[in-house]
Amino acid sequence: MPSANDILKAIAEHLTLNPEDLDRQALLREDLTLGPIELNDLLSDLSVKFNISFEPDEVENLNKVADLISLVEDNLLD
């Protein structure tokens, strides 16, 4: 199973950032300036990469990179 670091690397890769530069406490909308379309693209990329799917109610409360990592980890367990 992918680790939290693997998920962080996948997020950083999608955002064209170095994983070391991506703070787990960074706010998705404010710090990373992800709008709804960019966030949807990121979620789509992660769902393909890790072969998982997200329910709409799971993604509406995502605020931080750490929330996104937890969401992916939770879906990997299902």
Protein backbone atom coordinates (compact mmCIF):
# COMPACT_ATOMS: atom_id res chain seq x y z
CA MET A 1 0.00 0.00 0.00
CA PRO A 2 1.32 3.49 -0.79
CA SER A 3 2.59 5.49 2.17
CA ALA A 4 1.66 9.05 3.08
CA ASN A 5 4.97 10.11 1.50
CA ASP A 6 4.01 8.39 -1.76
CA ILE A 7 0.71 10.27 -1.76
CA LEU A 8 2.48 13.53 -0.96
CA LYS A 9 4.88 12.92 -3.85
CA ALA A 10 1.95 12.28 -6.20
CA ILE A 11 0.28 15.54 -5.12
CA ALA A 12 3.54 17.47 -5.53
CA GLU A 13 4.13 15.90 -8.93
CA HIS A 14 0.67 16.93 -10.12
CA LEU A 15 1.27 20.48 -8.88
CA THR A 16 4.79 20.51 -10.37
CA LEU A 17 6.34 21.11 -6.96
CA ASN A 18 9.16 19.40 -5.11
CA PRO A 19 7.74 17.14 -2.39
CA GLU A 20 10.07 18.85 0.12
CA ASP A 21 8.41 22.19 -0.73
CA LEU A 22 4.88 20.92 -0.11
CA ASP A 23 3.76 21.54 3.48
CA ARG A 24 1.17 19.06 4.77
CA GLN A 25 -0.52 21.95 6.58
CA ALA A 26 -0.77 24.07 3.41
CA LEU A 27 -4.31 25.14 2.60
CA LEU A 28 -5.43 23.83 -0.77
CA ARG A 29 -7.38 26.90 -1.82
CA GLU A 30 -5.51 29.71 -0.10
CA ASP A 31 -1.87 28.55 -0.07
CA LEU A 32 -1.84 26.43 -3.22
CA THR A 33 -4.47 28.57 -5.00
CA LEU A 34 -6.43 25.55 -6.20
CA GLY A 35 -9.81 26.49 -7.57
CA PRO A 36 -12.62 23.98 -8.03
CA ILE A 37 -11.38 22.89 -11.46
CA GLU A 38 -7.75 22.50 -10.34
CA LEU A 39 -8.81 20.54 -7.26
CA ASN A 40 -11.03 18.31 -9.38
CA ASP A 41 -8.11 17.69 -11.77
CA LEU A 42 -5.88 16.77 -8.82
CA LEU A 43 -8.50 14.40 -7.38
CA SER A 44 -8.97 12.81 -10.79
CA ASP A 45 -5.21 12.31 -11.17
CA LEU A 46 -4.95 10.74 -7.71
CA SER A 47 -7.93 8.45 -8.33
CA VAL A 48 -6.28 7.12 -11.51
CA LYS A 49 -2.82 6.85 -9.96
CA PHE A 50 -4.01 4.95 -6.87
CA ASN A 51 -7.02 3.18 -8.47
CA ILE A 52 -9.55 4.64 -6.05
CA SER A 53 -12.65 6.81 -6.31
CA PHE A 54 -13.94 9.68 -4.22
CA GLU A 55 -17.52 10.38 -3.19
CA PRO A 56 -18.67 14.00 -3.56
CA ASP A 57 -19.37 14.31 0.17
CA GLU A 58 -15.79 13.20 0.94
CA VAL A 59 -14.18 16.04 -0.98
CA GLU A 60 -16.33 19.00 -0.03
CA ASN A 61 -14.55 19.54 3.30
CA LEU A 62 -10.96 19.21 2.10
CA ASN A 63 -8.92 22.13 3.42
CA LYS A 64 -5.29 21.05 3.80
CA VAL A 65 -2.83 18.81 2.01
CA ALA A 66 -2.97 16.56 5.10
CA ASP A 67 -6.75 16.19 4.63
CA LEU A 68 -6.19 15.07 1.07
CA ILE A 69 -3.53 12.55 2.14
CA SER A 70 -5.93 11.14 4.76
CA LEU A 71 -8.71 10.90 2.19
CA VAL A 72 -6.53 8.91 -0.20
CA GLU A 73 -5.31 6.65 2.62
CA ASP A 74 -8.90 6.01 3.77
CA ASN A 75 -9.98 5.10 0.23
CA LEU A 76 -7.02 2.76 -0.17
CA LEU A 77 -8.27 0.78 2.83
CA ASP A 78 -11.72 0.22 1.31
